[in-house]
Amino acid sequence: MMFAESYVKELQVAMLNKISRLFVIKSPVEAYLIIYALALGAVERGNIYIQHYPGFGGKLLFLACMGAVFMAGAKILDCIKHEKRLKERPETAF
């Protein structure tokens, strides 16, 4: 009975590892696709802000949405470069 329980636990851990690998950004192409999706959502949200708050306030909120995408995109791309550098030269960690 103990063997079956440990086997089931190992299968669960293996499945969680496989699922968690789906959420790791491995290449710049994946990063650009994610940034593109973020930008589409930000533009949609910005348009809603412009409709709800006409004038200068809506435009500022629209720009805030786009600024958040720029900052997130820069961070994503920076992290990919950092992970690649660490893989090539682990002694440069900190």
PDB file of N, CA and C in Angstrom:
ATOM      1  N   MET A   1       0.821  -1.196   0.000  1.00  0.00           N
ATOM      2  CA  MET A   1       0.000   0.000   0.000  1.00  0.00           C
ATOM      3  C   MET A   1       0.863   1.257   0.000  1.00  0.00           C
ATOM      4  N   MET A   2       1.953   1.244   0.728  1.00  0.00           N
ATOM      5  CA  MET A   2       2.838   2.398   0.782  1.00  0.00           C
ATOM      6  C   MET A   2       3.493   2.647  -0.569  1.00  0.00           C
ATOM      7  N   PHE A   3       3.782   1.561  -1.293  1.00  0.00           N
ATOM      8  CA  PHE A   3       4.397   1.704  -2.603  1.00  0.00           C
ATOM      9  C   PHE A   3       3.471   2.441  -3.560  1.00  0.00           C
ATOM     10  N   ALA A   4       2.208   2.109  -3.526  1.00  0.00           N
ATOM     11  CA  ALA A   4       1.237   2.746  -4.408  1.00  0.00           C
ATOM     12  C   ALA A   4       1.099   4.234  -4.087  1.00  0.00           C
ATOM     13  N   GLU A   5       1.097   4.575  -2.813  1.00  0.00           N
ATOM     14  CA  GLU A   5       0.973   5.976  -2.422  1.00  0.00           C
ATOM     15  C   GLU A   5       2.184   6.788  -2.865  1.00  0.00           C
ATOM     16  N   SER A   6       3.376   6.225  -2.700  1.00  0.00           N
ATOM     17  CA  SER A   6       4.578   6.951  -3.110  1.00  0.00           C
ATOM     18  C   SER A   6       4.636   7.084  -4.633  1.00  0.00           C
ATOM     19  N   TYR A   7       4.166   6.059  -5.344  1.00  0.00           N
ATOM     20  CA  TYR A   7       4.136   6.129  -6.800  1.00  0.00           C
ATOM     21  C   TYR A   7       3.183   7.221  -7.278  1.00  0.00           C
ATOM     22  N   VAL A   8       2.024   7.314  -6.632  1.00  0.00           N
ATOM     23  CA  VAL A   8       1.048   8.345  -6.985  1.00  0.00           C
ATOM     24  C   VAL A   8       1.631   9.728  -6.698  1.00  0.00           C
ATOM     25  N   LYS A   9       2.329   9.874  -5.565  1.00  0.00           N
ATOM     26  CA  LYS A   9       2.952  11.153  -5.232  1.00  0.00           C
ATOM     27  C   LYS A   9       3.988  11.550  -6.290  1.00  0.00           C
ATOM     28  N   GLU A  10       4.808  10.577  -6.730  1.00  0.00           N
ATOM     29  CA  GLU A  10       5.806  10.870  -7.754  1.00  0.00           C
ATOM     30  C   GLU A  10       5.148  11.293  -9.056  1.00  0.00           C
ATOM     31  N   LEU A  11       4.053  10.655  -9.421  1.00  0.00           N
ATOM     32  CA  LEU A  11       3.332  11.042 -10.630  1.00  0.00           C
ATOM     33  C   LEU A  11       2.764  12.451 -10.512  1.00  0.00           C
ATOM     34  N   GLN A  12       2.247  12.779  -9.335  1.00  0.00           N
ATOM     35  CA  GLN A  12       1.710  14.118  -9.136  1.00  0.00           C
ATOM     36  C   GLN A  12       2.795  15.177  -9.262  1.00  0.00           C
ATOM     37  N   VAL A  13       3.946  14.910  -8.672  1.00  0.00           N
ATOM     38  CA  VAL A  13       5.052  15.861  -8.751  1.00  0.00           C
ATOM     39  C   VAL A  13       5.523  15.998 -10.197  1.00  0.00           C
ATOM     40  N   ALA A  14       5.602  14.899 -10.917  1.00  0.00           N
ATOM     41  CA  ALA A  14       6.023  14.941 -12.315  1.00  0.00           C
ATOM     42  C   ALA A  14       5.039  15.757 -13.156  1.00  0.00           C
ATOM     43  N   MET A  15       3.756  15.567 -12.925  1.00  0.00           N
ATOM     44  CA  MET A  15       2.754  16.322 -13.677  1.00  0.00           C
ATOM     45  C   MET A  15       2.818  17.812 -13.338  1.00  0.00           C
ATOM     46  N   LEU A  16       3.007  18.139 -12.061  1.00  0.00           N
ATOM     47  CA  LEU A  16       3.134  19.555 -11.686  1.00  0.00           C
ATOM     48  C   LEU A  16       4.362  20.192 -12.329  1.00  0.00           C
ATOM     49  N   ASN A  17       5.463  19.438 -12.420  1.00  0.00           N
ATOM     50  CA  ASN A  17       6.658  19.971 -13.079  1.00  0.00           C
ATOM     51  C   ASN A  17       6.402  20.236 -14.556  1.00  0.00           C
ATOM     52  N   LYS A  18       5.691  19.311 -15.208  1.00  0.00           N
ATOM     53  CA  LYS A  18       5.379  19.508 -16.629  1.00  0.00           C
ATOM     54  C   LYS A  18       4.476  20.706 -16.835  1.00  0.00           C
ATOM     55  N   ILE A  19       3.496  20.864 -15.967  1.00  0.00           N
ATOM     56  CA  ILE A  19       2.581  22.000 -16.087  1.00  0.00           C
ATOM     57  C   ILE A  19       3.307  23.307 -15.794  1.00  0.00           C
ATOM     58  N   SER A  20       4.181  23.314 -14.799  1.00  0.00           N
ATOM     59  CA  SER A  20       4.883  24.553 -14.442  1.00  0.00           C
ATOM     60  C   SER A  20       5.837  24.995 -15.549  1.00  0.00           C
ATOM     61  N   ARG A  21       6.366  24.056 -16.337  1.00  0.00           N
ATOM     62  CA  ARG A  21       7.248  24.436 -17.441  1.00  0.00           C
ATOM     63  C   ARG A  21       6.509  25.199 -18.528  1.00  0.00           C
ATOM     64  N   LEU A  22       5.194  25.042 -18.591  1.00  0.00           N
ATOM     65  CA  LEU A  22       4.406  25.773 -19.584  1.00  0.00           C
ATOM     66  C   LEU A  22       4.412  27.277 -19.320  1.00  0.00           C
ATOM     67  N   PHE A  23       4.617  27.667 -18.071  1.00  0.00           N
ATOM     68  CA  PHE A  23       4.540  29.072 -17.689  1.00  0.00           C
ATOM     69  C   PHE A  23       5.906  29.747 -17.608  1.00  0.00           C
ATOM     70  N   VAL A  24       6.924  29.132 -18.172  1.00  0.00           N
ATOM     71  CA  VAL A  24       8.263  29.704 -18.173  1.00  0.00           C
ATOM     72  C   VAL A  24       8.541  30.265 -19.559  1.00  0.00           C
ATOM     73  N   ILE A  25       8.960  31.517 -19.607  1.00  0.00           N
ATOM     74  CA  ILE A  25       9.291  32.153 -20.880  1.00  0.00           C
ATOM     75  C   ILE A  25      10.730  31.793 -21.206  1.00  0.00           C
ATOM     76  N   LYS A  26      10.919  31.056 -22.310  1.00  0.00           N
ATOM     77  CA  LYS A  26      12.243  30.531 -22.618  1.00  0.00           C
ATOM     78  C   LYS A  26      12.966  31.284 -23.728  1.00  0.00           C
ATOM     79  N   SER A  27      12.236  31.897 -24.637  1.00  0.00           N
ATOM     80  CA  SER A  27      12.891  32.526 -25.778  1.00  0.00           C
ATOM     81  C   SER A  27      12.358  33.948 -25.973  1.00  0.00           C
ATOM     82  N   PRO A  28      13.116  34.759 -26.704  1.00  0.00           N
ATOM     83  CA  PRO A  28      12.641  36.121 -26.980  1.00  0.00           C
ATOM     84  C   PRO A  28      11.346  36.142 -27.794  1.00  0.00           C
ATOM     85  N   VAL A  29      11.142  35.149 -28.652  1.00  0.00           N
ATOM     86  CA  VAL A  29       9.908  35.100 -29.436  1.00  0.00           C
ATOM     87  C   VAL A  29       8.702  34.963 -28.512  1.00  0.00           C
ATOM     88  N   GLU A  30       8.806  34.074 -27.534  1.00  0.00           N
ATOM     89  CA  GLU A  30       7.722  33.928 -26.549  1.00  0.00           C
ATOM     90  C   GLU A  30       7.511  35.234 -25.790  1.00  0.00           C
ATOM     91  N   ALA A  31       8.602  35.897 -25.455  1.00  0.00           N
ATOM     92  CA  ALA A  31       8.498  37.167 -24.724  1.00  0.00           C
ATOM     93  C   ALA A  31       7.782  38.215 -25.564  1.00  0.00           C
ATOM     94  N   TYR A  32       8.124  38.299 -26.844  1.00  0.00           N
ATOM     95  CA  TYR A  32       7.468  39.287 -27.711  1.00  0.00           C
ATOM     96  C   TYR A  32       5.983  38.975 -27.881  1.00  0.00           C
ATOM     97  N   LEU A  33       5.636  37.698 -27.951  1.00  0.00           N
ATOM     98  CA  LEU A  33       4.218  37.338 -28.056  1.00  0.00           C
ATOM     99  C   LEU A  33       3.458  37.738 -26.798  1.00  0.00           C
ATOM    100  N   ILE A  34       4.072  37.542 -25.653  1.00  0.00           N
ATOM    101  CA  ILE A  34       3.427  37.919 -24.392  1.00  0.00           C
ATOM    102  C   ILE A  34       3.296  39.441 -24.295  1.00  0.00           C
ATOM    103  N   ILE A  35       4.335  40.156 -24.707  1.00  0.00           N
ATOM    104  CA  ILE A  35       4.282  41.617 -24.679  1.00  0.00           C
ATOM    105  C   ILE A  35       3.207  42.124 -25.638  1.00  0.00           C
ATOM    106  N   TYR A  36       3.080  41.480 -26.788  1.00  0.00           N
ATOM    107  CA  TYR A  36       2.044  41.860 -27.742  1.00  0.00           C
ATOM    108  C   TYR A  36       0.653  41.669 -27.133  1.00  0.00           C
ATOM    109  N   ALA A  37       0.462  40.544 -26.462  1.00  0.00           N
ATOM    110  CA  ALA A  37      -0.835  40.295 -25.824  1.00  0.00           C
ATOM    111  C   ALA A  37      -1.111  41.321 -24.724  1.00  0.00           C
ATOM    112  N   LEU A  38      -0.085  41.662 -23.954  1.00  0.00           N
ATOM    113  CA  LEU A  38      -0.249  42.696 -22.923  1.00  0.00           C
ATOM    114  C   LEU A  38      -0.614  44.043 -23.552  1.00  0.00           C
ATOM    115  N   ALA A  39       0.024  44.359 -24.678  1.00  0.00           N
ATOM    116  CA  ALA A  39      -0.257  45.629 -25.344  1.00  0.00           C
ATOM    117  C   ALA A  39      -1.681  45.676 -25.877  1.00  0.00           C
ATOM    118  N   LEU A  40      -2.162  44.563 -26.428  1.00  0.00           N
ATOM    119  CA  LEU A  40      -3.545  44.525 -26.909  1.00  0.00           C
ATOM    120  C   LEU A  40      -4.527  44.781 -25.768  1.00  0.00           C
ATOM    121  N   GLY A  41      -4.278  44.144 -24.640  1.00  0.00           N
ATOM    122  CA  GLY A  41      -5.145  44.357 -23.479  1.00  0.00           C
ATOM    123  C   GLY A  41      -5.068  45.774 -22.954  1.00  0.00           C
ATOM    124  N   ALA A  42      -3.868  46.340 -22.978  1.00  0.00           N
ATOM    125  CA  ALA A  42      -3.709  47.713 -22.483  1.00  0.00           C
ATOM    126  C   ALA A  42      -4.407  48.716 -23.394  1.00  0.00           C
ATOM    127  N   VAL A  43      -4.338  48.489 -24.696  1.00  0.00           N
ATOM    128  CA  VAL A  43      -5.021  49.399 -25.618  1.00  0.00           C
ATOM    129  C   VAL A  43      -6.532  49.297 -25.433  1.00  0.00           C
ATOM    130  N   GLU A  44      -7.017  48.083 -25.255  1.00  0.00           N
ATOM    131  CA  GLU A  44      -8.454  47.912 -25.027  1.00  0.00           C
ATOM    132  C   GLU A  44      -8.887  48.614 -23.738  1.00  0.00           C
ATOM    133  N   ARG A  45      -8.098  48.431 -22.700  1.00  0.00           N
ATOM    134  CA  ARG A  45      -8.424  49.091 -21.431  1.00  0.00           C
ATOM    135  C   ARG A  45      -8.317  50.612 -21.569  1.00  0.00           C
ATOM    136  N   GLY A  46      -7.309  51.078 -22.303  1.00  0.00           N
ATOM    137  CA  GLY A  46      -7.153  52.505 -22.523  1.00  0.00           C
ATOM    138  C   GLY A  46      -8.323  53.113 -23.275  1.00  0.00           C
ATOM    139  N   ASN A  47      -8.848  52.387 -24.257  1.00  0.00           N
ATOM    140  CA  ASN A  47     -10.023  52.872 -24.981  1.00  0.00           C
ATOM    141  C   ASN A  47     -11.234  52.983 -24.059  1.00  0.00           C
ATOM    142  N   ILE A  48     -11.361  52.041 -23.162  1.00  0.00           N
ATOM    143  CA  ILE A  48     -12.456  52.108 -22.188  1.00  0.00           C
ATOM    144  C   ILE A  48     -12.287  53.340 -21.296  1.00  0.00           C
ATOM    145  N   TYR A  49     -11.037  53.606 -20.885  1.00  0.00           N
ATOM    146  CA  TYR A  49     -10.785  54.800 -20.064  1.00  0.00           C
ATOM    147  C   TYR A  49     -11.144  56.067 -20.830  1.00  0.00           C
ATOM    148  N   ILE A  50     -10.784  56.133 -22.114  1.00  0.00           N
ATOM    149  CA  ILE A  50     -11.077  57.327 -22.900  1.00  0.00           C
ATOM    150  C   ILE A  50     -12.583  57.521 -23.038  1.00  0.00           C
ATOM    151  N   GLN A  51     -13.340  56.424 -23.149  1.00  0.00           N
ATOM    152  CA  GLN A  51     -14.795  56.539 -23.251  1.00  0.00           C
ATOM    153  C   GLN A  51     -15.417  56.990 -21.933  1.00  0.00           C
ATOM    154  N   HIS A  52     -14.904  56.445 -20.827  1.00  0.00           N
ATOM    155  CA  HIS A  52     -15.470  56.802 -19.519  1.00  0.00           C
ATOM    156  C   HIS A  52     -15.029  58.176 -19.040  1.00  0.00           C
ATOM    157  N   TYR A  53     -13.807  58.547 -19.349  1.00  0.00           N
ATOM    158  CA  TYR A  53     -13.252  59.824 -18.897  1.00  0.00           C
ATOM    159  C   TYR A  53     -12.789  60.625 -20.111  1.00  0.00           C
ATOM    160  N   PRO A  54     -13.696  61.263 -20.821  1.00  0.00           N
ATOM    161  CA  PRO A  54     -13.285  62.022 -22.014  1.00  0.00           C
ATOM    162  C   PRO A  54     -12.406  63.210 -21.617  1.00  0.00           C
ATOM    163  N   GLY A  55     -11.496  63.519 -22.500  1.00  0.00           N
ATOM    164  CA  GLY A  55     -10.621  64.651 -22.243  1.00  0.00           C
ATOM    165  C   GLY A  55      -9.239  64.216 -21.811  1.00  0.00           C
ATOM    166  N   PHE A  56      -8.602  65.117 -21.091  1.00  0.00           N
ATOM    167  CA  PHE A  56      -7.207  64.917 -20.711  1.00  0.00           C
ATOM    168  C   PHE A  56      -7.027  63.757 -19.725  1.00  0.00           C
ATOM    169  N   GLY A  57      -7.974  63.584 -18.800  1.00  0.00           N
ATOM    170  CA  GLY A  57      -7.867  62.496 -17.818  1.00  0.00           C
ATOM    171  C   GLY A  57      -7.875  61.124 -18.463  1.00  0.00           C
ATOM    172  N   GLY A  58      -8.750  60.924 -19.428  1.00  0.00           N
ATOM    173  CA  GLY A  58      -8.792  59.643 -20.132  1.00  0.00           C
ATOM    174  C   GLY A  58      -7.522  59.368 -20.903  1.00  0.00           C
ATOM    175  N   LYS A  59      -6.974  60.420 -21.514  1.00  0.00           N
ATOM    176  CA  LYS A  59      -5.725  60.246 -22.260  1.00  0.00           C
ATOM    177  C   LYS A  59      -4.566  59.907 -21.327  1.00  0.00           C
ATOM    178  N   LEU A  60      -4.548  60.511 -20.156  1.00  0.00           N
ATOM    179  CA  LEU A  60      -3.499  60.178 -19.181  1.00  0.00           C
ATOM    180  C   LEU A  60      -3.601  58.731 -18.717  1.00  0.00           C
ATOM    181  N   LEU A  61      -4.821  58.270 -18.465  1.00  0.00           N
ATOM    182  CA  LEU A  61      -4.999  56.876 -18.066  1.00  0.00           C
ATOM    183  C   LEU A  61      -4.602  55.928 -19.194  1.00  0.00           C
ATOM    184  N   PHE A  62      -4.910  56.298 -20.441  1.00  0.00           N
ATOM    185  CA  PHE A  62      -4.494  55.507 -21.596  1.00  0.00           C
ATOM    186  C   PHE A  62      -2.974  55.402 -21.643  1.00  0.00           C
ATOM    187  N   LEU A  63      -2.304  56.536 -21.456  1.00  0.00           N
ATOM    188  CA  LEU A  63      -0.838  56.531 -21.462  1.00  0.00           C
ATOM    189  C   LEU A  63      -0.269  55.729 -20.296  1.00  0.00           C
ATOM    190  N   ALA A  64      -0.954  55.748 -19.165  1.00  0.00           N
ATOM    191  CA  ALA A  64      -0.497  54.945 -18.024  1.00  0.00           C
ATOM    192  C   ALA A  64      -0.568  53.456 -18.350  1.00  0.00           C
ATOM    193  N   CYS A  65      -1.628  53.046 -19.044  1.00  0.00           N
ATOM    194  CA  CYS A  65      -1.743  51.638 -19.460  1.00  0.00           C
ATOM    195  C   CYS A  65      -0.594  51.251 -20.383  1.00  0.00           C
ATOM    196  N   MET A  66      -0.304  52.113 -21.341  1.00  0.00           N
ATOM    197  CA  MET A  66       0.771  51.815 -22.282  1.00  0.00           C
ATOM    198  C   MET A  66       2.137  51.849 -21.594  1.00  0.00           C
ATOM    199  N   GLY A  67       2.310  52.755 -20.666  1.00  0.00           N
ATOM    200  CA  GLY A  67       3.571  52.810 -19.925  1.00  0.00           C
ATOM    201  C   GLY A  67       3.818  51.553 -19.118  1.00  0.00           C
ATOM    202  N   ALA A  68       2.755  50.997 -18.560  1.00  0.00           N
ATOM    203  CA  ALA A  68       2.894  49.749 -17.801  1.00  0.00           C
ATOM    204  C   ALA A  68       3.351  48.615 -18.711  1.00  0.00           C
ATOM    205  N   VAL A  69       2.847  48.589 -19.934  1.00  0.00           N
ATOM    206  CA  VAL A  69       3.265  47.550 -20.881  1.00  0.00           C
ATOM    207  C   VAL A  69       4.730  47.733 -21.249  1.00  0.00           C
ATOM    208  N   PHE A  70       5.165  48.980 -21.472  1.00  0.00           N
ATOM    209  CA  PHE A  70       6.563  49.215 -21.800  1.00  0.00           C
ATOM    210  C   PHE A  70       7.482  48.757 -20.664  1.00  0.00           C
ATOM    211  N   MET A  71       7.105  49.065 -19.436  1.00  0.00           N
ATOM    212  CA  MET A  71       7.945  48.673 -18.304  1.00  0.00           C
ATOM    213  C   MET A  71       7.953  47.154 -18.127  1.00  0.00           C
ATOM    214  N   ALA A  72       6.795  46.519 -18.262  1.00  0.00           N
ATOM    215  CA  ALA A  72       6.734  45.063 -18.118  1.00  0.00           C
ATOM    216  C   ALA A  72       7.510  44.381 -19.245  1.00  0.00           C
ATOM    217  N   GLY A  73       7.373  44.893 -20.455  1.00  0.00           N
ATOM    218  CA  GLY A  73       8.091  44.310 -21.581  1.00  0.00           C
ATOM    219  C   GLY A  73       9.594  44.426 -21.415  1.00  0.00           C
ATOM    220  N   ALA A  74      10.046  45.565 -20.957  1.00  0.00           N
ATOM    221  CA  ALA A  74      11.482  45.747 -20.728  1.00  0.00           C
ATOM    222  C   ALA A  74      11.982  44.783 -19.663  1.00  0.00           C
ATOM    223  N   LYS A  75      11.204  44.594 -18.621  1.00  0.00           N
ATOM    224  CA  LYS A  75      11.601  43.683 -17.546  1.00  0.00           C
ATOM    225  C   LYS A  75      11.654  42.237 -18.039  1.00  0.00           C
ATOM    226  N   ILE A  76      10.661  41.837 -18.831  1.00  0.00           N
ATOM    227  CA  ILE A  76      10.640  40.473 -19.363  1.00  0.00           C
ATOM    228  C   ILE A  76      11.861  40.228 -20.242  1.00  0.00           C
ATOM    229  N   LEU A  77      12.134  41.147 -21.159  1.00  0.00           N
ATOM    230  CA  LEU A  77      13.284  40.972 -22.049  1.00  0.00           C
ATOM    231  C   LEU A  77      14.602  41.014 -21.284  1.00  0.00           C
ATOM    232  N   ASP A  78      14.680  41.857 -20.278  1.00  0.00           N
ATOM    233  CA  ASP A  78      15.885  41.951 -19.463  1.00  0.00           C
ATOM    234  C   ASP A  78      16.126  40.644 -18.698  1.00  0.00           C
ATOM    235  N   CYS A  79      15.069  40.057 -18.186  1.00  0.00           N
ATOM    236  CA  CYS A  79      15.207  38.799 -17.442  1.00  0.00           C
ATOM    237  C   CYS A  79      15.647  37.655 -18.348  1.00  0.00           C
ATOM    238  N   ILE A  80      15.171  37.645 -19.580  1.00  0.00           N
ATOM    239  CA  ILE A  80      15.594  36.592 -20.509  1.00  0.00           C
ATOM    240  C   ILE A  80      17.084  36.717 -20.800  1.00  0.00           C
ATOM    241  N   LYS A  81      17.553  37.943 -21.027  1.00  0.00           N
ATOM    242  CA  LYS A  81      18.983  38.162 -21.258  1.00  0.00           C
ATOM    243  C   LYS A  81      19.799  37.758 -20.037  1.00  0.00           C
ATOM    244  N   HIS A  82      19.287  38.085 -18.859  1.00  0.00           N
ATOM    245  CA  HIS A  82      19.998  37.753 -17.617  1.00  0.00           C
ATOM    246  C   HIS A  82      20.089  36.242 -17.431  1.00  0.00           C
ATOM    247  N   GLU A  83      19.001  35.520 -17.674  1.00  0.00           N
ATOM    248  CA  GLU A  83      19.027  34.064 -17.518  1.00  0.00           C
ATOM    249  C   GLU A  83      19.958  33.417 -18.534  1.00  0.00           C
ATOM    250  N   LYS A  84      19.993  33.932 -19.750  1.00  0.00           N
ATOM    251  CA  LYS A  84      20.897  33.397 -20.770  1.00  0.00           C
ATOM    252  C   LYS A  84      22.345  33.617 -20.360  1.00  0.00           C
ATOM    253  N   ARG A  85      22.627  34.810 -19.831  1.00  0.00           N
ATOM    254  CA  ARG A  85      23.991  35.107 -19.387  1.00  0.00           C
ATOM    255  C   ARG A  85      24.402  34.214 -18.227  1.00  0.00           C
ATOM    256  N   LEU A  86      23.467  33.965 -17.292  1.00  0.00           N
ATOM    257  CA  LEU A  86      23.787  33.093 -16.163  1.00  0.00           C
ATOM    258  C   LEU A  86      24.037  31.657 -16.602  1.00  0.00           C
ATOM    259  N   LYS A  87      23.307  31.226 -17.631  1.00  0.00           N
ATOM    260  CA  LYS A  87      23.517  29.869 -18.120  1.00  0.00           C
ATOM    261  C   LYS A  87      24.890  29.730 -18.767  1.00  0.00           C
ATOM    262  N   GLU A  88      25.339  30.790 -19.468  1.00  0.00           N
ATOM    263  CA  GLU A  88      26.628  30.747 -20.126  1.00  0.00           C
ATOM    264  C   GLU A  88      27.772  30.948 -19.139  1.00  0.00           C
ATOM    265  N   ARG A  89      27.598  31.905 -18.211  1.00  0.00           N
ATOM    266  CA  ARG A  89      28.659  32.207 -17.245  1.00  0.00           C
ATOM    267  C   ARG A  89      28.057  32.298 -15.842  1.00  0.00           C
ATOM    268  N   PRO A  90      27.945  31.174 -15.133  1.00  0.00           N
ATOM    269  CA  PRO A  90      27.304  31.193 -13.811  1.00  0.00           C
ATOM    270  C   PRO A  90      28.054  32.008 -12.755  1.00  0.00           C
ATOM    271  N   GLU A  91      29.325  32.273 -12.974  1.00  0.00           N
ATOM    272  CA  GLU A  91      30.100  33.017 -11.968  1.00  0.00           C
ATOM    273  C   GLU A  91      29.706  34.487 -11.922  1.00  0.00           C
ATOM    274  N   THR A  92      28.917  34.968 -12.889  1.00  0.00           N
ATOM    275  CA  THR A  92      28.524  36.372 -12.919  1.00  0.00           C
ATOM    276  C   THR A  92      27.155  36.593 -12.280  1.00  0.00           C
ATOM    277  N   ALA A  93      26.777  35.746 -11.330  1.00  0.00           N
ATOM    278  CA  ALA A  93      25.443  35.841 -10.722  1.00  0.00           C
ATOM    279  C   ALA A  93      25.265  37.171  -9.994  1.00  0.00           C
ATOM    280  N   PHE A  94      26.176  37.494  -9.102  1.00  0.00           N
ATOM    281  CA  PHE A  94      26.070  38.771  -8.374  1.00  0.00           C
ATOM    282  C   PHE A  94      27.428  39.261  -8.026  1.00  0.00           C
TER     283      PHE A  94
END
